[in-house]
Protein backbone atom coordinates (compact mmCIF):
# COMPACT_ATOMS: atom_id res chain seq x y z
CA MET A 1 1.37 -7.75 10.37
CA ARG A 2 3.01 -4.69 11.89
CA LYS A 3 4.60 -3.78 8.54
CA LEU A 4 1.24 -4.05 6.78
CA LYS A 5 -0.32 -1.73 9.37
CA MET A 6 2.45 0.81 8.83
CA ILE A 7 1.98 0.66 5.06
CA PHE A 8 -1.77 1.16 5.48
CA LEU A 9 -1.22 4.17 7.74
CA ALA A 10 1.27 5.60 5.25
CA PHE A 11 -1.31 5.30 2.46
CA LYS A 12 -3.88 7.05 4.66
CA ALA A 13 -1.42 9.90 5.26
CA ILE A 14 -0.61 10.15 1.53
CA LYS A 15 -4.32 10.24 0.70
CA LYS A 16 -4.88 13.08 3.17
CA LEU A 17 -1.85 15.11 2.08
CA ARG A 18 -2.12 14.75 -1.68
CA LYS A 19 -5.83 13.96 -2.02
CA VAL A 20 -4.91 11.01 -4.21
CA PRO A 21 -7.91 9.25 -5.80
CA MET A 22 -8.79 6.00 -4.03
CA LYS A 23 -8.16 4.07 -7.27
CA ASN A 24 -4.51 5.15 -7.30
CA VAL A 25 -4.05 4.22 -3.65
CA LYS A 26 -5.58 0.80 -4.31
CA ASN A 27 -3.30 0.26 -7.32
CA ILE A 28 -0.23 1.04 -5.21
CA PHE A 29 -1.52 -1.24 -2.44
CA PHE A 30 -2.14 -4.16 -4.81
CA ALA A 31 1.30 -3.66 -6.39
CA ALA A 32 2.88 -3.81 -2.92
CA ARG A 33 0.93 -6.99 -2.15
CA ARG A 34 2.10 -8.56 -5.41
CA ILE A 35 5.72 -7.73 -4.58
CA LYS A 36 5.26 -9.22 -1.10
CA LYS A 37 3.84 -12.43 -2.59
CA ARG A 38 6.81 -12.66 -4.98
CA LYS A 39 9.24 -12.28 -2.08
CA ASN A 40 7.43 -15.04 -0.20
CA LEU A 41 7.71 -17.33 -3.23
CA LEU A 42 11.46 -16.64 -3.48
């Protein structure tokens, strides 16, 4: 859970610094979740 919180905070920081559209942030977040799920399966 701590890692997830850190990732979320990192995305918030990126959004503030680069003014990245929310859609892009969500895409990155879902990709990270997919990778995490794959790791859990392995």
